[in-house]
Amino acid sequence: MARTQGSHSDITGPRIREAAIRLFARHGYAAVSMRQIAKDVGVQAGALYNYTPDKQSLLYRLMRDHMQELLEAYEAMDQGGDAQDTLRRFVGFHIRFHLERPDEVFIAYMELRNLTPDNFVEIEDLRRKYENALEGILHQGQQSGLFAISDTKIATLAVIAMLNGVMTWYRSGGRLSLDEVEQVYWDMVRRSVTA
């Protein structure tokens, strides 16, 4: 299939990704058609298939890319110090990384149900790697006596759920700065796990 005159794959591909993220986050995956994505980008619907085989592949790739970026950014972070220092950095990292990507976060959590079983398994595996990083911190703190946690898996899920709440209400220029919000959340997380 010939590319539309004036179309450039290095421009059109990212524009398709941006449009899909925006539309899936605003309307939900099931309500968005490939035709709507194409219209938003300004290309013919058929041109999308030069970039993705179908809508499911597009959703999967968006979610996979988000999780891989998250894991890579976390792994690049300083991991030194005791469990409390590491947990403090995790809290700040999670809040700041996710606040920069609210639509991707929304899709990563709300559209899991729309993945095919095979795609779901792959995305869940990536999510589990991130959760395991936090659980490892909590387990280390539990073993060293810094944290009093009866079940590190439940504590992991509770901490992530608490941190994800920031994405639903925080607005730049609000009553608290991001540094202040991060400090409040760190205080809540610390108190919830400390012996």
N, C-alpha and C. Protein backbone atom coordinates (compact mmCIF):
# COMPACT_ATOMS: atom_id res chain seq x y z
N MET A 1 0.85 -1.17 0.00
CA MET A 1 0.00 0.00 0.00
C MET A 1 0.89 1.24 0.00
N ALA A 2 0.61 2.15 -0.87
CA ALA A 2 1.42 3.36 -0.99
C ALA A 2 1.11 4.31 0.17
N ARG A 3 2.15 4.96 0.63
CA ARG A 3 2.00 5.94 1.70
C ARG A 3 1.40 7.21 1.12
N THR A 4 0.55 7.87 1.91
CA THR A 4 -0.05 9.12 1.48
C THR A 4 1.05 10.15 1.23
N GLN A 5 0.90 10.90 0.15
CA GLN A 5 1.90 11.91 -0.18
C GLN A 5 2.07 12.87 1.00
N GLY A 6 3.32 13.11 1.34
CA GLY A 6 3.59 14.01 2.47
C GLY A 6 3.64 13.29 3.80
N SER A 7 3.32 11.99 3.82
CA SER A 7 3.34 11.23 5.06
C SER A 7 4.77 10.79 5.37
N HIS A 8 5.15 10.86 6.62
CA HIS A 8 6.49 10.43 7.05
C HIS A 8 6.32 9.50 8.24
N SER A 9 6.88 8.29 8.12
CA SER A 9 6.67 7.29 9.17
C SER A 9 7.21 7.75 10.52
N ASP A 10 8.31 8.54 10.52
CA ASP A 10 8.86 8.98 11.79
C ASP A 10 7.99 10.05 12.45
N ILE A 11 7.09 10.64 11.70
CA ILE A 11 6.15 11.63 12.25
C ILE A 11 4.79 10.98 12.48
N THR A 12 4.31 10.24 11.49
CA THR A 12 2.97 9.66 11.57
C THR A 12 2.86 8.61 12.67
N GLY A 13 3.87 7.75 12.80
CA GLY A 13 3.84 6.71 13.84
C GLY A 13 3.63 7.29 15.23
N PRO A 14 4.45 8.25 15.66
CA PRO A 14 4.24 8.86 16.98
C PRO A 14 2.90 9.59 17.09
N ARG A 15 2.44 10.19 16.00
CA ARG A 15 1.14 10.87 16.05
C ARG A 15 0.01 9.88 16.24
N ILE A 16 0.12 8.71 15.64
CA ILE A 16 -0.88 7.65 15.85
C ILE A 16 -0.88 7.22 17.30
N ARG A 17 0.31 7.04 17.86
CA ARG A 17 0.44 6.65 19.26
C ARG A 17 -0.20 7.69 20.17
N GLU A 18 0.12 8.96 19.96
CA GLU A 18 -0.42 10.05 20.78
C GLU A 18 -1.95 10.13 20.67
N ALA A 19 -2.46 9.99 19.45
CA ALA A 19 -3.91 10.06 19.25
C ALA A 19 -4.60 8.88 19.94
N ALA A 20 -4.02 7.69 19.81
CA ALA A 20 -4.62 6.51 20.44
C ALA A 20 -4.63 6.66 21.95
N ILE A 21 -3.54 7.12 22.52
CA ILE A 21 -3.49 7.33 23.98
C ILE A 21 -4.57 8.31 24.41
N ARG A 22 -4.63 9.43 23.73
CA ARG A 22 -5.60 10.48 24.09
C ARG A 22 -7.03 9.97 23.96
N LEU A 23 -7.36 9.31 22.85
CA LEU A 23 -8.72 8.85 22.60
C LEU A 23 -9.10 7.68 23.51
N PHE A 24 -8.19 6.73 23.72
CA PHE A 24 -8.48 5.60 24.61
C PHE A 24 -8.70 6.10 26.04
N ALA A 25 -7.89 7.07 26.47
CA ALA A 25 -8.03 7.60 27.84
C ALA A 25 -9.33 8.38 27.99
N ARG A 26 -9.72 9.11 26.97
CA ARG A 26 -10.91 9.95 27.05
C ARG A 26 -12.21 9.16 26.88
N HIS A 27 -12.23 8.24 25.92
CA HIS A 27 -13.48 7.56 25.56
C HIS A 27 -13.51 6.07 25.90
N GLY A 28 -12.36 5.48 26.16
CA GLY A 28 -12.27 4.05 26.40
C GLY A 28 -11.96 3.31 25.11
N TYR A 29 -11.19 2.27 25.25
CA TYR A 29 -10.74 1.48 24.10
C TYR A 29 -11.91 1.00 23.24
N ALA A 30 -12.93 0.43 23.87
CA ALA A 30 -14.04 -0.17 23.13
C ALA A 30 -14.81 0.86 22.30
N ALA A 31 -14.83 2.10 22.74
CA ALA A 31 -15.62 3.13 22.06
C ALA A 31 -14.86 3.83 20.93
N VAL A 32 -13.58 3.55 20.80
CA VAL A 32 -12.76 4.25 19.80
C VAL A 32 -12.51 3.32 18.62
N SER A 33 -12.74 3.85 17.44
CA SER A 33 -12.50 3.06 16.22
C SER A 33 -11.18 3.48 15.59
N MET A 34 -10.67 2.61 14.73
CA MET A 34 -9.46 2.95 13.99
C MET A 34 -9.73 4.18 13.10
N ARG A 35 -10.95 4.29 12.62
CA ARG A 35 -11.32 5.44 11.79
C ARG A 35 -11.20 6.74 12.59
N GLN A 36 -11.61 6.72 13.87
CA GLN A 36 -11.49 7.91 14.72
C GLN A 36 -10.02 8.29 14.94
N ILE A 37 -9.19 7.27 15.17
CA ILE A 37 -7.76 7.53 15.36
C ILE A 37 -7.18 8.16 14.09
N ALA A 38 -7.52 7.58 12.94
CA ALA A 38 -7.02 8.11 11.67
C ALA A 38 -7.47 9.56 11.47
N LYS A 39 -8.72 9.85 11.77
CA LYS A 39 -9.24 11.21 11.61
C LYS A 39 -8.47 12.17 12.51
N ASP A 40 -8.21 11.75 13.75
CA ASP A 40 -7.49 12.60 14.69
C ASP A 40 -6.07 12.89 14.19
N VAL A 41 -5.46 11.91 13.56
CA VAL A 41 -4.10 12.06 13.04
C VAL A 41 -4.09 12.83 11.72
N GLY A 42 -5.20 12.71 10.97
CA GLY A 42 -5.27 13.38 9.68
C GLY A 42 -4.80 12.50 8.53
N VAL A 43 -5.01 11.18 8.67
CA VAL A 43 -4.65 10.24 7.60
C VAL A 43 -5.87 9.40 7.27
N GLN A 44 -5.80 8.69 6.15
CA GLN A 44 -6.86 7.75 5.78
C GLN A 44 -6.83 6.58 6.76
N ALA A 45 -7.99 6.00 7.04
CA ALA A 45 -8.06 4.88 7.99
C ALA A 45 -7.14 3.74 7.56
N GLY A 46 -7.07 3.47 6.28
CA GLY A 46 -6.22 2.39 5.79
C GLY A 46 -4.75 2.62 6.06
N ALA A 47 -4.35 3.88 6.18
CA ALA A 47 -2.94 4.19 6.42
C ALA A 47 -2.48 3.71 7.79
N LEU A 48 -3.41 3.59 8.75
CA LEU A 48 -3.03 3.12 10.08
C LEU A 48 -2.42 1.73 10.04
N TYR A 49 -2.87 0.93 9.08
CA TYR A 49 -2.42 -0.45 9.02
C TYR A 49 -0.99 -0.58 8.50
N ASN A 50 -0.39 0.55 8.08
CA ASN A 50 1.04 0.57 7.80
C ASN A 50 1.84 0.59 9.10
N TYR A 51 1.16 0.94 10.20
CA TYR A 51 1.83 1.12 11.49
C TYR A 51 1.42 0.08 12.53
N THR A 52 0.26 -0.49 12.38
CA THR A 52 -0.22 -1.48 13.34
C THR A 52 -1.18 -2.44 12.64
N PRO A 53 -1.12 -3.73 12.95
CA PRO A 53 -2.01 -4.68 12.29
C PRO A 53 -3.48 -4.48 12.63
N ASP A 54 -3.75 -4.03 13.88
CA ASP A 54 -5.14 -3.86 14.31
C ASP A 54 -5.18 -3.07 15.61
N LYS A 55 -6.37 -2.78 16.07
CA LYS A 55 -6.55 -1.95 17.27
C LYS A 55 -6.02 -2.67 18.52
N GLN A 56 -6.21 -3.97 18.61
CA GLN A 56 -5.72 -4.74 19.76
C GLN A 56 -4.19 -4.65 19.85
N SER A 57 -3.52 -4.77 18.73
CA SER A 57 -2.06 -4.67 18.71
C SER A 57 -1.61 -3.28 19.16
N LEU A 58 -2.36 -2.27 18.77
CA LEU A 58 -2.05 -0.90 19.16
C LEU A 58 -2.19 -0.74 20.67
N LEU A 59 -3.28 -1.23 21.25
CA LEU A 59 -3.48 -1.15 22.69
C LEU A 59 -2.38 -1.89 23.43
N TYR A 60 -2.08 -3.10 22.99
CA TYR A 60 -1.03 -3.90 23.62
C TYR A 60 0.31 -3.16 23.58
N ARG A 61 0.66 -2.60 22.43
CA ARG A 61 1.93 -1.92 22.29
C ARG A 61 2.00 -0.69 23.19
N LEU A 62 0.90 0.05 23.29
CA LEU A 62 0.88 1.21 24.18
C LEU A 62 1.13 0.79 25.63
N MET A 63 0.47 -0.27 26.05
CA MET A 63 0.62 -0.73 27.43
C MET A 63 2.00 -1.33 27.67
N ARG A 64 2.49 -2.08 26.72
CA ARG A 64 3.83 -2.68 26.84
C ARG A 64 4.90 -1.59 26.90
N ASP A 65 4.80 -0.61 26.01
CA ASP A 65 5.78 0.47 26.01
C ASP A 65 5.78 1.24 27.33
N HIS A 66 4.59 1.49 27.85
CA HIS A 66 4.48 2.20 29.13
C HIS A 66 5.17 1.40 30.24
N MET A 67 4.88 0.12 30.31
CA MET A 67 5.46 -0.70 31.37
C MET A 67 6.97 -0.85 31.21
N GLN A 68 7.44 -0.97 29.99
CA GLN A 68 8.88 -1.08 29.77
C GLN A 68 9.60 0.22 30.12
N GLU A 69 9.00 1.35 29.78
CA GLU A 69 9.58 2.64 30.16
C GLU A 69 9.64 2.77 31.69
N LEU A 70 8.58 2.34 32.35
CA LEU A 70 8.53 2.39 33.81
C LEU A 70 9.64 1.54 34.41
N LEU A 71 9.77 0.31 33.95
CA LEU A 71 10.79 -0.59 34.49
C LEU A 71 12.20 -0.08 34.21
N GLU A 72 12.43 0.41 33.01
CA GLU A 72 13.76 0.93 32.66
C GLU A 72 14.12 2.15 33.51
N ALA A 73 13.15 3.04 33.70
CA ALA A 73 13.41 4.24 34.51
C ALA A 73 13.67 3.87 35.96
N TYR A 74 12.91 2.90 36.47
CA TYR A 74 13.11 2.48 37.86
C TYR A 74 14.46 1.81 38.03
N GLU A 75 14.82 0.94 37.10
CA GLU A 75 16.11 0.24 37.21
C GLU A 75 17.29 1.20 37.12
N ALA A 76 17.12 2.33 36.43
CA ALA A 76 18.19 3.31 36.30
C ALA A 76 18.36 4.17 37.55
N MET A 77 17.39 4.08 38.45
CA MET A 77 17.42 4.88 39.66
C MET A 77 18.42 4.32 40.66
N ASP A 78 18.98 5.18 41.53
CA ASP A 78 19.90 4.74 42.58
C ASP A 78 19.18 3.79 43.52
N GLN A 79 19.75 2.62 43.74
CA GLN A 79 19.11 1.61 44.59
C GLN A 79 19.83 1.44 45.93
N GLY A 80 20.80 2.30 46.23
CA GLY A 80 21.57 2.14 47.46
C GLY A 80 20.82 2.54 48.71
N GLY A 81 21.38 2.19 49.87
CA GLY A 81 20.79 2.55 51.15
C GLY A 81 19.99 1.43 51.76
N ASP A 82 19.45 1.71 52.95
CA ASP A 82 18.64 0.68 53.61
C ASP A 82 17.23 0.68 53.02
N ALA A 83 16.39 -0.22 53.53
CA ALA A 83 15.05 -0.38 52.97
C ALA A 83 14.22 0.89 53.07
N GLN A 84 14.39 1.64 54.15
CA GLN A 84 13.61 2.87 54.30
C GLN A 84 14.03 3.91 53.26
N ASP A 85 15.33 4.05 53.03
CA ASP A 85 15.81 4.98 52.00
C ASP A 85 15.30 4.57 50.62
N THR A 86 15.37 3.28 50.35
CA THR A 86 14.95 2.77 49.05
C THR A 86 13.45 2.95 48.85
N LEU A 87 12.68 2.71 49.92
CA LEU A 87 11.23 2.91 49.84
C LEU A 87 10.90 4.38 49.61
N ARG A 88 11.64 5.26 50.26
CA ARG A 88 11.41 6.70 50.08
C ARG A 88 11.63 7.10 48.62
N ARG A 89 12.69 6.58 48.02
CA ARG A 89 12.95 6.88 46.61
C ARG A 89 11.88 6.27 45.72
N PHE A 90 11.41 5.08 46.06
CA PHE A 90 10.35 4.44 45.27
C PHE A 90 9.09 5.31 45.26
N VAL A 91 8.70 5.82 46.42
CA VAL A 91 7.51 6.66 46.53
C VAL A 91 7.63 7.88 45.62
N GLY A 92 8.75 8.58 45.72
CA GLY A 92 8.95 9.76 44.88
C GLY A 92 8.99 9.41 43.41
N PHE A 93 9.69 8.33 43.09
CA PHE A 93 9.78 7.91 41.69
C PHE A 93 8.39 7.59 41.13
N HIS A 94 7.62 6.81 41.86
CA HIS A 94 6.31 6.37 41.37
C HIS A 94 5.40 7.58 41.12
N ILE A 95 5.35 8.47 42.06
CA ILE A 95 4.48 9.64 41.92
C ILE A 95 4.90 10.48 40.71
N ARG A 96 6.16 10.80 40.62
CA ARG A 96 6.62 11.70 39.56
C ARG A 96 6.57 11.06 38.18
N PHE A 97 6.95 9.80 38.08
CA PHE A 97 6.90 9.12 36.78
C PHE A 97 5.47 9.08 36.26
N HIS A 98 4.55 8.72 37.12
CA HIS A 98 3.16 8.55 36.70
C HIS A 98 2.43 9.86 36.47
N LEU A 99 2.76 10.90 37.25
CA LEU A 99 2.11 12.19 37.03
C LEU A 99 2.43 12.77 35.66
N GLU A 100 3.57 12.41 35.11
CA GLU A 100 3.93 12.89 33.77
C GLU A 100 3.19 12.14 32.67
N ARG A 101 2.49 11.05 33.01
CA ARG A 101 1.84 10.19 32.02
C ARG A 101 0.43 9.77 32.47
N PRO A 102 -0.42 10.71 32.79
CA PRO A 102 -1.73 10.33 33.35
C PRO A 102 -2.58 9.47 32.40
N ASP A 103 -2.55 9.77 31.11
CA ASP A 103 -3.35 8.99 30.17
C ASP A 103 -2.83 7.56 30.05
N GLU A 104 -1.50 7.40 30.00
CA GLU A 104 -0.92 6.07 29.92
C GLU A 104 -1.24 5.25 31.17
N VAL A 105 -1.20 5.90 32.34
CA VAL A 105 -1.53 5.22 33.60
C VAL A 105 -2.99 4.78 33.58
N PHE A 106 -3.87 5.66 33.15
CA PHE A 106 -5.29 5.31 33.08
C PHE A 106 -5.50 4.10 32.18
N ILE A 107 -4.89 4.13 31.01
CA ILE A 107 -5.03 3.01 30.07
C ILE A 107 -4.44 1.74 30.66
N ALA A 108 -3.28 1.84 31.29
CA ALA A 108 -2.59 0.66 31.84
C ALA A 108 -3.43 -0.06 32.89
N TYR A 109 -4.26 0.67 33.61
CA TYR A 109 -5.08 0.05 34.64
C TYR A 109 -6.50 -0.25 34.16
N MET A 110 -7.11 0.65 33.41
CA MET A 110 -8.51 0.50 33.07
C MET A 110 -8.76 -0.35 31.83
N GLU A 111 -7.77 -0.51 30.98
CA GLU A 111 -8.00 -1.24 29.74
C GLU A 111 -7.43 -2.65 29.74
N LEU A 112 -6.96 -3.12 30.87
CA LEU A 112 -6.47 -4.50 30.95
C LEU A 112 -7.54 -5.49 30.50
N ARG A 113 -8.78 -5.21 30.83
CA ARG A 113 -9.88 -6.11 30.50
C ARG A 113 -10.08 -6.26 28.99
N ASN A 114 -9.55 -5.33 28.21
CA ASN A 114 -9.74 -5.37 26.76
C ASN A 114 -8.59 -6.05 26.02
N LEU A 115 -7.60 -6.53 26.76
CA LEU A 115 -6.51 -7.25 26.12
C LEU A 115 -6.92 -8.70 25.83
N THR A 116 -6.38 -9.25 24.76
CA THR A 116 -6.57 -10.68 24.50
C THR A 116 -5.86 -11.44 25.62
N PRO A 117 -6.22 -12.70 25.86
CA PRO A 117 -5.57 -13.45 26.95
C PRO A 117 -4.05 -13.48 26.86
N ASP A 118 -3.50 -13.70 25.68
CA ASP A 118 -2.04 -13.73 25.55
C ASP A 118 -1.41 -12.38 25.86
N ASN A 119 -2.00 -11.32 25.35
CA ASN A 119 -1.48 -9.98 25.62
C ASN A 119 -1.62 -9.63 27.10
N PHE A 120 -2.72 -10.04 27.71
CA PHE A 120 -2.93 -9.80 29.13
C PHE A 120 -1.82 -10.44 29.95
N VAL A 121 -1.47 -11.67 29.63
CA VAL A 121 -0.43 -12.38 30.37
C VAL A 121 0.89 -11.62 30.28
N GLU A 122 1.23 -11.12 29.11
CA GLU A 122 2.50 -10.40 28.94
C GLU A 122 2.51 -9.09 29.73
N ILE A 123 1.41 -8.35 29.69
CA ILE A 123 1.35 -7.08 30.42
C ILE A 123 1.36 -7.35 31.92
N GLU A 124 0.63 -8.35 32.37
CA GLU A 124 0.63 -8.70 33.79
C GLU A 124 2.02 -9.10 34.27
N ASP A 125 2.78 -9.76 33.41
CA ASP A 125 4.15 -10.14 33.77
C ASP A 125 5.01 -8.90 34.00
N LEU A 126 4.86 -7.90 33.14
CA LEU A 126 5.60 -6.64 33.31
C LEU A 126 5.16 -5.91 34.58
N ARG A 127 3.86 -5.89 34.82
CA ARG A 127 3.34 -5.25 36.04
C ARG A 127 3.88 -5.96 37.28
N ARG A 128 3.93 -7.28 37.23
CA ARG A 128 4.41 -8.06 38.36
C ARG A 128 5.88 -7.76 38.64
N LYS A 129 6.68 -7.52 37.60
CA LYS A 129 8.09 -7.18 37.81
C LYS A 129 8.22 -5.89 38.62
N TYR A 130 7.37 -4.93 38.30
CA TYR A 130 7.41 -3.66 39.03
C TYR A 130 6.92 -3.86 40.46
N GLU A 131 5.84 -4.59 40.62
CA GLU A 131 5.34 -4.88 41.97
C GLU A 131 6.37 -5.65 42.78
N ASN A 132 7.07 -6.58 42.13
CA ASN A 132 8.09 -7.37 42.83
C ASN A 132 9.24 -6.50 43.32
N ALA A 133 9.55 -5.44 42.58
CA ALA A 133 10.61 -4.53 43.03
C ALA A 133 10.20 -3.89 44.35
N LEU A 134 8.98 -3.42 44.44
CA LEU A 134 8.50 -2.83 45.69
C LEU A 134 8.40 -3.89 46.78
N GLU A 135 7.88 -5.06 46.44
CA GLU A 135 7.77 -6.11 47.46
C GLU A 135 9.14 -6.49 48.00
N GLY A 136 10.16 -6.47 47.13
CA GLY A 136 11.52 -6.76 47.58
C GLY A 136 12.00 -5.75 48.61
N ILE A 137 11.66 -4.48 48.39
CA ILE A 137 12.02 -3.43 49.35
C ILE A 137 11.32 -3.69 50.68
N LEU A 138 10.04 -3.99 50.61
CA LEU A 138 9.26 -4.23 51.84
C LEU A 138 9.76 -5.47 52.56
N HIS A 139 10.11 -6.50 51.82
CA HIS A 139 10.64 -7.73 52.43
C HIS A 139 11.98 -7.45 53.11
N GLN A 140 12.84 -6.68 52.45
CA GLN A 140 14.13 -6.32 53.04
C GLN A 140 13.92 -5.57 54.35
N GLY A 141 12.98 -4.62 54.34
CA GLY A 141 12.69 -3.87 55.57
C GLY A 141 12.08 -4.73 56.65
N GLN A 142 11.27 -5.69 56.25
CA GLN A 142 10.67 -6.63 57.20
C GLN A 142 11.76 -7.48 57.85
N GLN A 143 12.69 -7.99 57.03
CA GLN A 143 13.76 -8.84 57.52
C GLN A 143 14.73 -8.09 58.44
N SER A 144 14.95 -6.82 58.14
CA SER A 144 15.89 -6.04 58.96
C SER A 144 15.24 -5.44 60.20
N GLY A 145 13.92 -5.58 60.32
CA GLY A 145 13.22 -5.05 61.48
C GLY A 145 12.79 -3.60 61.35
N LEU A 146 13.04 -2.99 60.17
CA LEU A 146 12.61 -1.61 59.95
C LEU A 146 11.11 -1.51 59.73
N PHE A 147 10.53 -2.52 59.10
CA PHE A 147 9.12 -2.51 58.76
C PHE A 147 8.38 -3.63 59.50
N ALA A 148 7.16 -3.32 59.92
CA ALA A 148 6.30 -4.31 60.57
C ALA A 148 5.15 -4.61 59.62
N ILE A 149 5.35 -5.62 58.78
CA ILE A 149 4.36 -5.97 57.76
C ILE A 149 4.05 -7.45 57.89
N SER A 150 2.77 -7.77 57.99
CA SER A 150 2.43 -9.19 58.10
C SER A 150 2.40 -9.88 56.74
N ASP A 151 2.05 -9.14 55.68
CA ASP A 151 1.97 -9.73 54.34
C ASP A 151 2.54 -8.72 53.34
N THR A 152 3.73 -9.00 52.82
CA THR A 152 4.38 -8.03 51.94
C THR A 152 3.65 -7.87 50.61
N LYS A 153 2.99 -8.90 50.13
CA LYS A 153 2.26 -8.79 48.86
C LYS A 153 1.08 -7.82 49.00
N ILE A 154 0.30 -7.99 50.05
CA ILE A 154 -0.83 -7.09 50.28
C ILE A 154 -0.33 -5.67 50.51
N ALA A 155 0.73 -5.52 51.27
CA ALA A 155 1.29 -4.19 51.52
C ALA A 155 1.75 -3.56 50.21
N THR A 156 2.35 -4.35 49.33
CA THR A 156 2.79 -3.85 48.02
C THR A 156 1.62 -3.29 47.23
N LEU A 157 0.56 -4.06 47.13
CA LEU A 157 -0.61 -3.63 46.36
C LEU A 157 -1.27 -2.41 47.00
N ALA A 158 -1.29 -2.36 48.33
CA ALA A 158 -1.89 -1.22 49.04
C ALA A 158 -1.08 0.06 48.80
N VAL A 159 0.24 -0.05 48.85
CA VAL A 159 1.09 1.13 48.64
C VAL A 159 0.92 1.64 47.21
N ILE A 160 0.95 0.74 46.24
CA ILE A 160 0.79 1.17 44.84
C ILE A 160 -0.57 1.81 44.63
N ALA A 161 -1.62 1.23 45.19
CA ALA A 161 -2.97 1.80 45.06
C ALA A 161 -3.01 3.20 45.68
N MET A 162 -2.39 3.36 46.83
CA MET A 162 -2.37 4.67 47.48
C MET A 162 -1.64 5.69 46.61
N LEU A 163 -0.48 5.31 46.10
CA LEU A 163 0.31 6.23 45.28
C LEU A 163 -0.41 6.58 43.98
N ASN A 164 -1.11 5.62 43.40
CA ASN A 164 -1.83 5.89 42.15
C ASN A 164 -2.95 6.90 42.33
N GLY A 165 -3.44 7.04 43.56
CA GLY A 165 -4.50 8.00 43.82
C GLY A 165 -4.11 9.43 43.49
N VAL A 166 -2.81 9.73 43.57
CA VAL A 166 -2.34 11.09 43.28
C VAL A 166 -2.74 11.50 41.87
N MET A 167 -2.70 10.55 40.93
CA MET A 167 -2.99 10.87 39.53
C MET A 167 -4.42 11.36 39.32
N THR A 168 -5.32 10.99 40.20
CA THR A 168 -6.72 11.37 40.01
C THR A 168 -7.05 12.78 40.47
N TRP A 169 -6.24 13.33 41.37
CA TRP A 169 -6.62 14.62 41.92
C TRP A 169 -5.55 15.71 41.84
N TYR A 170 -4.29 15.34 41.74
CA TYR A 170 -3.25 16.37 41.80
C TYR A 170 -3.27 17.25 40.55
N ARG A 171 -3.19 18.56 40.76
CA ARG A 171 -3.07 19.53 39.68
C ARG A 171 -1.96 20.50 40.03
N SER A 172 -1.09 20.74 39.09
CA SER A 172 -0.02 21.71 39.28
C SER A 172 -0.64 23.07 39.58
N GLY A 173 -0.07 23.79 40.51
CA GLY A 173 -0.61 25.11 40.86
C GLY A 173 -1.68 25.03 41.92
N GLY A 174 -1.91 23.85 42.47
CA GLY A 174 -2.92 23.68 43.52
C GLY A 174 -2.40 24.12 44.88
N ARG A 175 -3.11 23.73 45.91
CA ARG A 175 -2.80 24.14 47.27
C ARG A 175 -1.42 23.69 47.72
N LEU A 176 -0.99 22.50 47.28
CA LEU A 176 0.31 21.97 47.67
C LEU A 176 1.21 21.80 46.45
N SER A 177 2.49 22.03 46.65
CA SER A 177 3.45 21.78 45.57
C SER A 177 3.63 20.26 45.44
N LEU A 178 4.23 19.85 44.34
CA LEU A 178 4.49 18.42 44.15
C LEU A 178 5.42 17.90 45.23
N ASP A 179 6.41 18.68 45.63
CA ASP A 179 7.32 18.26 46.71
C ASP A 179 6.54 18.04 48.00
N GLU A 180 5.59 18.93 48.29
CA GLU A 180 4.79 18.78 49.52
C GLU A 180 3.89 17.56 49.44
N VAL A 181 3.29 17.34 48.29
CA VAL A 181 2.43 16.16 48.11
C VAL A 181 3.24 14.89 48.28
N GLU A 182 4.41 14.88 47.67
CA GLU A 182 5.29 13.71 47.80
C GLU A 182 5.65 13.45 49.26
N GLN A 183 5.91 14.51 50.01
CA GLN A 183 6.25 14.36 51.42
C GLN A 183 5.07 13.80 52.22
N VAL A 184 3.87 14.28 51.95
CA VAL A 184 2.68 13.78 52.64
C VAL A 184 2.50 12.29 52.35
N TYR A 185 2.65 11.92 51.09
CA TYR A 185 2.50 10.50 50.73
C TYR A 185 3.61 9.65 51.35
N TRP A 186 4.82 10.18 51.36
CA TRP A 186 5.90 9.43 52.00
C TRP A 186 5.59 9.22 53.48
N ASP A 187 5.10 10.24 54.17
CA ASP A 187 4.74 10.10 55.58
C ASP A 187 3.68 9.02 55.77
N MET A 188 2.67 8.99 54.89
CA MET A 188 1.61 7.99 55.01
C MET A 188 2.15 6.58 54.74
N VAL A 189 2.97 6.43 53.71
CA VAL A 189 3.53 5.12 53.40
C VAL A 189 4.44 4.67 54.53
N ARG A 190 5.31 5.55 55.00
CA ARG A 190 6.25 5.20 56.08
C ARG A 190 5.50 4.73 57.32
N ARG A 191 4.46 5.49 57.71
CA ARG A 191 3.70 5.10 58.91
C ARG A 191 2.97 3.77 58.70
N SER A 192 2.57 3.50 57.48
CA SER A 192 1.81 2.26 57.25
C SER A 192 2.69 1.00 57.30
N VAL A 193 4.00 1.17 57.16
CA VAL A 193 4.88 -0.02 57.15
C VAL A 193 5.87 -0.06 58.30
N THR A 194 6.04 1.04 59.02
CA THR A 194 7.09 1.12 60.03
C THR A 194 6.74 0.38 61.29
N ALA A 195 7.77 -0.26 61.85
CA ALA A 195 7.59 -1.03 63.11
C ALA A 195 7.39 -0.08 64.28
